[in-house]
């Protein structure tokens, strides 16, 4: 339970020199310091994951949801408004 509220996520996909695709995901949230009550911005690298198959939109969505589930942060995802 690293974040009491909602969590924002970022994701980036790129390929190395051998054309192997990788996905990195980070999490960002605001946390209150118990001793002072001060709000602090926190960030953490959730995953650095090699994509072993094609990286189509559907497969990436499944992979991202799987990785969020493993990190136990799916329930705290902030859904952007369109």
Protein backbone atom coordinates (compact mmCIF):
# COMPACT_ATOMS: atom_id res chain seq x y z
CA UNK A 1 0.00 0.00 0.00
CA UNK A 2 2.40 2.67 -1.18
CA UNK A 3 -0.22 5.21 -2.24
CA UNK A 4 -3.34 6.06 -0.23
CA UNK A 5 -5.14 7.64 -3.20
CA UNK A 6 -5.13 7.32 -6.95
CA UNK A 7 -2.04 6.60 -9.03
CA UNK A 8 -1.07 8.09 -12.40
CA UNK A 9 0.92 5.87 -14.75
CA UNK A 10 3.23 6.50 -17.67
CA UNK A 11 4.33 3.97 -20.27
CA UNK A 12 7.00 4.07 -22.94
CA UNK A 13 7.81 1.47 -25.60
CA UNK A 14 10.96 1.37 -27.68
CA UNK A 15 13.24 -1.12 -29.42
CA UNK A 16 16.92 -1.72 -28.83
CA UNK A 17 19.56 -2.00 -31.57
CA UNK A 18 18.50 -5.63 -32.19
CA UNK A 19 14.85 -4.57 -32.72
CA UNK A 20 13.69 -6.17 -29.44
CA UNK A 21 10.77 -4.11 -28.06
CA UNK A 22 10.66 -3.11 -24.37
CA UNK A 23 7.97 -1.51 -22.22
CA UNK A 24 8.73 0.62 -19.16
CA UNK A 25 5.98 1.77 -16.80
CA UNK A 26 6.18 4.25 -13.95
CA UNK A 27 3.71 5.19 -11.21
CA UNK A 28 3.24 8.66 -9.70
CA UNK A 29 1.17 9.70 -6.67
CA UNK A 30 0.91 12.23 -3.86
CA UNK A 31 1.70 11.00 -0.36
CA UNK A 32 1.35 12.75 2.99
CA UNK A 33 4.38 12.67 5.28
CA UNK A 34 3.01 11.41 8.63
CA UNK A 35 5.29 13.51 10.83
CA UNK A 36 4.69 16.87 9.10
CA UNK A 37 1.50 16.48 7.08
CA UNK A 38 3.44 17.76 4.05
CA UNK A 39 2.35 16.44 0.65
CA UNK A 40 5.13 14.85 -1.41
CA UNK A 41 5.24 13.72 -5.02
CA UNK A 42 6.38 10.09 -5.26
CA UNK A 43 7.45 8.10 -8.33
CA UNK A 44 8.54 4.53 -8.89
CA UNK A 45 9.52 2.33 -11.84
CA UNK A 46 6.83 -0.38 -11.88
CA UNK A 47 8.22 -2.56 -14.63
CA UNK A 48 10.79 -2.87 -17.37
CA UNK A 49 9.34 -5.61 -19.56
CA UNK A 50 10.44 -7.17 -22.82
CA UNK A 51 7.60 -7.54 -25.32
CA UNK A 52 8.02 -11.02 -26.82
CA UNK A 53 5.38 -10.76 -29.55
CA UNK A 54 4.13 -8.05 -31.87
CA UNK A 55 3.16 -4.85 -30.10
CA UNK A 56 -0.23 -4.14 -31.58
CA UNK A 57 -2.68 -2.00 -29.61
CA UNK A 58 -4.74 -4.97 -28.40
CA UNK A 59 -1.71 -6.94 -27.21
CA UNK A 60 -0.21 -3.86 -25.53
CA UNK A 61 -3.47 -3.21 -23.68
CA UNK A 62 -3.50 -6.80 -22.38
CA UNK A 63 0.18 -6.58 -21.40
CA UNK A 64 -0.27 -3.26 -19.58
CA UNK A 65 -3.32 -4.55 -17.67
CA UNK A 66 -1.42 -7.72 -16.74
CA UNK A 67 1.55 -5.68 -15.46
CA UNK A 68 -0.72 -3.29 -13.52
CA UNK A 69 -2.41 -6.31 -11.92
CA UNK A 70 0.97 -7.76 -10.94
CA UNK A 71 1.93 -4.41 -9.38
CA UNK A 72 -1.44 -4.35 -7.57
CA UNK A 73 -2.20 -0.84 -8.85
CA UNK A 74 -5.08 -1.55 -11.28
CA UNK A 75 -7.78 -0.42 -8.82
CA UNK A 76 -6.05 2.95 -8.36
CA UNK A 77 -5.62 3.85 -12.03
CA UNK A 78 -6.74 7.38 -12.89
CA UNK A 79 -8.88 7.28 -16.02
CA UNK A 80 -8.31 10.33 -18.25
CA UNK A 81 -11.38 12.25 -19.36
CA UNK A 82 -11.80 12.79 -23.09
